[in-house]
Amino acid sequence: MASNSELLRAAILKKMHVKAEYDGYHREMCPHALGRKGGVRHVFSFQFAGQSSGGLRPEGEWKCMEVDKLSNVSVTNGPWRTKDDYKPPPRCFDQIEVEVAY
């Protein structure tokens, strides 16, 4: 069985959707970057569906999440979703391991 990091890496490289649970909420997102901040692995994604503790804008929004806090991770097919303002924030990464190619 693939790890969360392996699933996210494959989704980034193939521009695929990811469904997962995070902080008790169902999330649907397109991951754009995977890396570490302070030794903790993070993923930076465009979340376009599901829920969030602070609500989710109808047009979707960028989210930085700790990889180890994701559960029930699955990769699915669907149209790639992003926004023009993509830029991995310093609060999410010290080092990026893999990033989506435009």
N, C-alpha and C. Protein backbone atom coordinates (compact mmCIF):
# COMPACT_ATOMS: atom_id res chain seq x y z
N MET A 1 0.84 -1.19 0.00
CA MET A 1 0.00 0.00 0.00
C MET A 1 0.88 1.25 0.00
N ALA A 2 0.55 2.19 -0.87
CA ALA A 2 1.35 3.41 -1.00
C ALA A 2 1.13 4.35 0.19
N SER A 3 2.17 5.07 0.55
CA SER A 3 2.08 6.05 1.64
C SER A 3 1.37 7.31 1.13
N ASN A 4 0.94 8.14 2.06
CA ASN A 4 0.34 9.42 1.67
C ASN A 4 1.28 10.22 0.79
N SER A 5 2.56 10.27 1.16
CA SER A 5 3.54 11.02 0.38
C SER A 5 3.66 10.48 -1.04
N GLU A 6 3.67 9.16 -1.19
CA GLU A 6 3.77 8.55 -2.51
C GLU A 6 2.53 8.87 -3.36
N LEU A 7 1.36 8.81 -2.74
CA LEU A 7 0.12 9.13 -3.46
C LEU A 7 0.11 10.59 -3.90
N LEU A 8 0.52 11.49 -3.00
CA LEU A 8 0.53 12.91 -3.33
C LEU A 8 1.55 13.22 -4.41
N ARG A 9 2.72 12.60 -4.32
CA ARG A 9 3.76 12.79 -5.34
C ARG A 9 3.23 12.38 -6.72
N ALA A 10 2.59 11.22 -6.80
CA ALA A 10 2.03 10.75 -8.08
C ALA A 10 0.96 11.70 -8.58
N ALA A 11 0.11 12.19 -7.69
CA ALA A 11 -0.96 13.12 -8.08
C ALA A 11 -0.37 14.43 -8.62
N ILE A 12 0.70 14.91 -8.02
CA ILE A 12 1.35 16.14 -8.49
C ILE A 12 1.93 15.93 -9.88
N LEU A 13 2.66 14.85 -10.06
CA LEU A 13 3.33 14.58 -11.34
C LEU A 13 2.34 14.33 -12.47
N LYS A 14 1.18 13.72 -12.14
CA LYS A 14 0.19 13.38 -13.16
C LYS A 14 -0.98 14.37 -13.21
N LYS A 15 -0.94 15.41 -12.36
CA LYS A 15 -2.00 16.42 -12.27
C LYS A 15 -3.37 15.75 -12.08
N MET A 16 -3.49 15.08 -10.94
CA MET A 16 -4.72 14.35 -10.61
C MET A 16 -5.36 14.91 -9.33
N HIS A 17 -6.62 14.58 -9.15
CA HIS A 17 -7.36 14.97 -7.94
C HIS A 17 -6.99 14.06 -6.79
N VAL A 18 -7.11 14.60 -5.58
CA VAL A 18 -6.93 13.83 -4.36
C VAL A 18 -8.15 14.06 -3.48
N LYS A 19 -8.65 12.98 -2.92
CA LYS A 19 -9.70 13.05 -1.90
C LYS A 19 -9.07 12.57 -0.60
N ALA A 20 -9.37 13.26 0.50
CA ALA A 20 -8.78 12.90 1.78
C ALA A 20 -9.59 13.52 2.91
N GLU A 21 -9.27 13.08 4.13
CA GLU A 21 -9.81 13.68 5.34
C GLU A 21 -8.68 14.44 6.01
N TYR A 22 -8.98 15.64 6.52
CA TYR A 22 -7.98 16.45 7.21
C TYR A 22 -8.69 17.27 8.27
N ASP A 23 -8.22 17.21 9.49
CA ASP A 23 -8.85 17.94 10.61
C ASP A 23 -10.33 17.61 10.73
N GLY A 24 -10.70 16.37 10.40
CA GLY A 24 -12.09 15.94 10.52
C GLY A 24 -12.99 16.37 9.38
N TYR A 25 -12.43 16.94 8.32
CA TYR A 25 -13.21 17.41 7.19
C TYR A 25 -12.82 16.69 5.91
N HIS A 26 -13.83 16.39 5.09
CA HIS A 26 -13.59 15.80 3.77
C HIS A 26 -13.05 16.89 2.85
N ARG A 27 -11.97 16.59 2.13
CA ARG A 27 -11.34 17.56 1.22
C ARG A 27 -11.20 16.95 -0.17
N GLU A 28 -11.40 17.76 -1.18
CA GLU A 28 -11.11 17.39 -2.56
C GLU A 28 -10.20 18.47 -3.11
N MET A 29 -9.05 18.06 -3.63
CA MET A 29 -8.02 19.04 -3.98
C MET A 29 -7.12 18.55 -5.10
N CYS A 30 -6.38 19.49 -5.66
CA CYS A 30 -5.33 19.20 -6.63
C CYS A 30 -4.02 19.64 -6.00
N PRO A 31 -3.18 18.69 -5.57
CA PRO A 31 -1.91 19.05 -4.95
C PRO A 31 -0.94 19.63 -5.97
N HIS A 32 -0.20 20.67 -5.54
CA HIS A 32 0.73 21.36 -6.43
C HIS A 32 2.19 21.22 -5.99
N ALA A 33 2.42 21.06 -4.68
CA ALA A 33 3.80 20.95 -4.19
C ALA A 33 3.84 20.09 -2.93
N LEU A 34 4.94 19.36 -2.79
CA LEU A 34 5.18 18.50 -1.63
C LEU A 34 6.58 18.80 -1.13
N GLY A 35 6.71 18.99 0.18
CA GLY A 35 8.02 19.30 0.74
C GLY A 35 7.99 19.29 2.25
N ARG A 36 8.94 20.00 2.85
CA ARG A 36 9.07 19.99 4.31
C ARG A 36 9.18 21.41 4.86
N LYS A 37 8.68 21.56 6.06
CA LYS A 37 8.84 22.79 6.85
C LYS A 37 9.22 22.35 8.25
N GLY A 38 10.41 22.73 8.69
CA GLY A 38 10.87 22.32 10.01
C GLY A 38 10.92 20.82 10.18
N GLY A 39 11.21 20.10 9.10
CA GLY A 39 11.29 18.64 9.15
C GLY A 39 9.96 17.93 9.02
N VAL A 40 8.86 18.67 8.98
CA VAL A 40 7.51 18.08 8.86
C VAL A 40 7.08 18.19 7.39
N ARG A 41 6.63 17.07 6.83
CA ARG A 41 6.22 17.05 5.43
C ARG A 41 4.85 17.73 5.27
N HIS A 42 4.78 18.63 4.27
CA HIS A 42 3.55 19.36 3.95
C HIS A 42 3.21 19.20 2.48
N VAL A 43 1.92 19.41 2.18
CA VAL A 43 1.45 19.47 0.80
C VAL A 43 0.70 20.79 0.63
N PHE A 44 0.93 21.44 -0.50
CA PHE A 44 0.24 22.69 -0.84
C PHE A 44 -0.68 22.37 -2.00
N SER A 45 -1.99 22.56 -1.76
CA SER A 45 -3.00 22.13 -2.73
C SER A 45 -4.02 23.22 -2.99
N PHE A 46 -4.67 23.10 -4.14
CA PHE A 46 -5.83 23.92 -4.42
C PHE A 46 -7.05 23.09 -4.08
N GLN A 47 -7.73 23.45 -2.97
CA GLN A 47 -8.93 22.72 -2.55
C GLN A 47 -10.13 23.33 -3.25
N PHE A 48 -10.86 22.49 -3.99
CA PHE A 48 -11.99 22.97 -4.78
C PHE A 48 -13.33 22.43 -4.30
N ALA A 49 -13.34 21.47 -3.40
CA ALA A 49 -14.60 20.91 -2.90
C ALA A 49 -14.37 20.30 -1.53
N GLY A 50 -15.46 19.99 -0.86
CA GLY A 50 -15.40 19.44 0.48
C GLY A 50 -15.62 20.52 1.51
N GLN A 51 -15.07 20.30 2.70
CA GLN A 51 -15.26 21.24 3.79
C GLN A 51 -13.92 21.70 4.34
N SER A 52 -14.00 22.72 5.19
CA SER A 52 -12.83 23.26 5.86
C SER A 52 -13.30 23.88 7.17
N SER A 53 -12.42 23.93 8.14
CA SER A 53 -12.82 24.48 9.45
C SER A 53 -13.27 25.94 9.34
N GLY A 54 -12.69 26.69 8.42
CA GLY A 54 -13.06 28.09 8.24
C GLY A 54 -14.02 28.29 7.08
N GLY A 55 -14.58 27.22 6.57
CA GLY A 55 -15.42 27.31 5.38
C GLY A 55 -14.55 27.29 4.13
N LEU A 56 -15.17 27.08 3.00
CA LEU A 56 -14.46 27.01 1.73
C LEU A 56 -15.14 27.96 0.75
N ARG A 57 -14.36 28.83 0.16
CA ARG A 57 -14.91 29.76 -0.84
C ARG A 57 -15.45 28.97 -2.02
N PRO A 58 -16.53 29.43 -2.64
CA PRO A 58 -17.11 28.71 -3.79
C PRO A 58 -16.12 28.50 -4.92
N GLU A 59 -15.18 29.44 -5.11
CA GLU A 59 -14.20 29.33 -6.19
C GLU A 59 -13.00 28.47 -5.79
N GLY A 60 -12.97 27.98 -4.54
CA GLY A 60 -11.86 27.17 -4.05
C GLY A 60 -10.78 28.06 -3.44
N GLU A 61 -9.77 27.42 -2.82
CA GLU A 61 -8.69 28.19 -2.22
C GLU A 61 -7.47 27.31 -1.97
N TRP A 62 -6.33 27.97 -1.77
CA TRP A 62 -5.08 27.28 -1.49
C TRP A 62 -5.06 26.82 -0.03
N LYS A 63 -4.52 25.61 0.19
CA LYS A 63 -4.40 25.05 1.53
C LYS A 63 -3.04 24.39 1.69
N CYS A 64 -2.42 24.63 2.85
CA CYS A 64 -1.18 23.95 3.23
C CYS A 64 -1.54 22.98 4.34
N MET A 65 -1.22 21.70 4.16
CA MET A 65 -1.61 20.67 5.14
C MET A 65 -0.42 19.78 5.48
N GLU A 66 -0.40 19.31 6.72
CA GLU A 66 0.61 18.33 7.13
C GLU A 66 0.23 16.97 6.56
N VAL A 67 1.15 16.36 5.86
CA VAL A 67 0.89 15.09 5.18
C VAL A 67 0.47 14.01 6.18
N ASP A 68 1.13 13.94 7.34
CA ASP A 68 0.82 12.89 8.31
C ASP A 68 -0.55 13.04 8.95
N LYS A 69 -1.18 14.20 8.81
CA LYS A 69 -2.52 14.41 9.36
C LYS A 69 -3.62 14.08 8.36
N LEU A 70 -3.24 13.74 7.12
CA LEU A 70 -4.21 13.32 6.11
C LEU A 70 -4.57 11.86 6.33
N SER A 71 -5.83 11.52 6.12
CA SER A 71 -6.25 10.12 6.20
C SER A 71 -7.17 9.81 5.03
N ASN A 72 -7.36 8.53 4.77
CA ASN A 72 -8.23 8.07 3.67
C ASN A 72 -7.88 8.76 2.35
N VAL A 73 -6.59 8.84 2.06
CA VAL A 73 -6.12 9.52 0.85
C VAL A 73 -6.34 8.62 -0.36
N SER A 74 -6.96 9.20 -1.41
CA SER A 74 -7.12 8.47 -2.67
C SER A 74 -6.91 9.44 -3.82
N VAL A 75 -6.34 8.92 -4.90
CA VAL A 75 -6.09 9.71 -6.10
C VAL A 75 -7.15 9.34 -7.12
N THR A 76 -7.76 10.36 -7.74
CA THR A 76 -8.84 10.12 -8.70
C THR A 76 -8.62 10.94 -9.97
N ASN A 77 -9.31 10.57 -11.02
CA ASN A 77 -9.27 11.32 -12.27
C ASN A 77 -10.25 12.49 -12.19
N GLY A 78 -9.99 13.48 -12.97
CA GLY A 78 -10.86 14.65 -13.04
C GLY A 78 -10.07 15.81 -13.61
N PRO A 79 -10.75 16.87 -14.01
CA PRO A 79 -10.04 18.01 -14.58
C PRO A 79 -9.13 18.68 -13.56
N TRP A 80 -7.94 19.05 -14.01
CA TRP A 80 -6.96 19.70 -13.14
C TRP A 80 -7.50 21.08 -12.76
N ARG A 81 -7.38 21.41 -11.49
CA ARG A 81 -7.85 22.71 -11.01
C ARG A 81 -6.72 23.46 -10.33
N THR A 82 -6.66 24.75 -10.62
CA THR A 82 -5.63 25.61 -10.08
C THR A 82 -6.12 27.05 -10.15
N LYS A 83 -5.29 27.98 -9.72
CA LYS A 83 -5.55 29.41 -9.87
C LYS A 83 -4.28 30.07 -10.40
N ASP A 84 -4.44 31.22 -11.00
CA ASP A 84 -3.30 31.93 -11.59
C ASP A 84 -2.28 32.40 -10.56
N ASP A 85 -2.68 32.50 -9.30
CA ASP A 85 -1.78 33.05 -8.28
C ASP A 85 -0.97 31.97 -7.55
N TYR A 86 -0.72 30.83 -8.21
CA TYR A 86 0.03 29.75 -7.56
C TYR A 86 1.44 30.21 -7.18
N LYS A 87 1.75 30.05 -5.90
CA LYS A 87 3.10 30.30 -5.40
C LYS A 87 3.19 29.64 -4.02
N PRO A 88 4.02 28.59 -3.88
CA PRO A 88 4.14 27.94 -2.58
C PRO A 88 4.62 28.94 -1.52
N PRO A 89 3.87 29.07 -0.44
CA PRO A 89 4.23 30.06 0.59
C PRO A 89 5.35 29.58 1.51
N PRO A 90 6.18 30.51 1.99
CA PRO A 90 7.25 30.15 2.93
C PRO A 90 6.71 29.51 4.21
N ARG A 91 5.47 29.84 4.61
CA ARG A 91 4.90 29.24 5.82
C ARG A 91 4.67 27.74 5.65
N CYS A 92 4.69 27.27 4.41
CA CYS A 92 4.42 25.86 4.12
C CYS A 92 5.70 25.05 3.91
N PHE A 93 6.75 25.69 3.38
CA PHE A 93 7.95 24.94 2.99
C PHE A 93 9.25 25.65 3.32
N ASP A 94 10.22 24.86 3.79
CA ASP A 94 11.63 25.25 3.78
C ASP A 94 12.27 24.67 2.52
N GLN A 95 11.77 23.48 2.14
CA GLN A 95 12.33 22.75 1.00
C GLN A 95 11.19 22.08 0.25
N ILE A 96 11.15 22.26 -1.08
CA ILE A 96 10.16 21.60 -1.91
C ILE A 96 10.81 20.38 -2.55
N GLU A 97 10.14 19.22 -2.43
CA GLU A 97 10.66 17.96 -2.99
C GLU A 97 10.16 17.72 -4.39
N VAL A 98 8.89 18.03 -4.64
CA VAL A 98 8.31 17.87 -5.97
C VAL A 98 7.24 18.94 -6.15
N GLU A 99 7.17 19.46 -7.38
CA GLU A 99 6.25 20.56 -7.67
C GLU A 99 5.63 20.33 -9.06
N VAL A 100 4.40 20.76 -9.21
CA VAL A 100 3.70 20.59 -10.48
C VAL A 100 4.42 21.35 -11.58
N ALA A 101 4.43 20.78 -12.78
CA ALA A 101 5.03 21.43 -13.94
C ALA A 101 3.94 22.14 -14.71
N TYR A 102 4.20 23.39 -15.06
CA TYR A 102 3.25 24.15 -15.87
C TYR A 102 3.73 24.22 -17.30
